[in-house]
C-alpha atoms as a PDB file:
ATOM      1  CA  ASN A   1      -0.012   0.017  -0.012  1.00  0.00           C
ATOM      2  CA  VAL A   2       1.565   3.278  -1.091  1.00  0.00           C
ATOM      3  CA  GLY A   3       0.387   6.381   0.806  1.00  0.00           C
ATOM      4  CA  GLY A   4      -2.403   4.365   2.428  1.00  0.00           C
ATOM      5  CA  GLY A   5      -2.613   6.630   5.447  1.00  0.00           C
ATOM      6  CA  ASP A   6      -2.553   9.706   3.219  1.00  0.00           C
ATOM      7  CA  PHE A   7      -5.344   8.261   1.072  1.00  0.00           C
ATOM      8  CA  TYR A   8      -7.376   7.476   4.181  1.00  0.00           C
ATOM      9  CA  VAL A   9      -7.026  11.048   5.394  1.00  0.00           C
ATOM     10  CA  PHE A  10      -7.906  12.426   2.004  1.00  0.00           C
ATOM     11  CA  GLU A  11     -11.075  10.296   1.849  1.00  0.00           C
ATOM     12  CA  LEU A  12     -12.021  11.327   5.390  1.00  0.00           C
ATOM     13  CA  ASN A  13     -11.420  14.986   4.611  1.00  0.00           C
ATOM     14  CA  ARG A  14     -13.480  14.722   1.437  1.00  0.00           C
ATOM     15  CA  GLY A  15     -16.381  13.102   3.234  1.00  0.00           C
ATOM     16  CA  ARG A  16     -16.257  15.695   5.995  1.00  0.00           C
ATOM     17  CA  GLU A  17     -16.141  18.544   3.498  1.00  0.00           C
ATOM     18  CA  LYS A  18     -19.092  17.112   1.580  1.00  0.00           C
ATOM     19  CA  GLU A  19     -21.129  16.772   4.774  1.00  0.00           C
ATOM     20  CA  LYS A  20     -20.195  20.304   5.807  1.00  0.00           C
ATOM     21  CA  ARG A  21     -21.185  21.689   2.427  1.00  0.00           C
ATOM     22  CA  ARG A  22     -24.448  19.802   2.509  1.00  0.00           C
ATOM     23  CA  ARG A  23     -25.205  21.097   6.000  1.00  0.00           C
ATOM     24  CA  ARG A  24     -24.781  24.712   4.843  1.00  0.00           C
ATOM     25  CA  ARG A  25     -27.174  27.143   6.504  1.00  0.00           C
END
C-alpha cells in the first residue's frame, strides 16, 4: 500500500467537506 494513510485522510477529509457543504445554513 503506497500512501495508504494519506489516502485514508484524504477520503475522510473529502467526506467531511461534503457533509459540511451539504449542511450549509
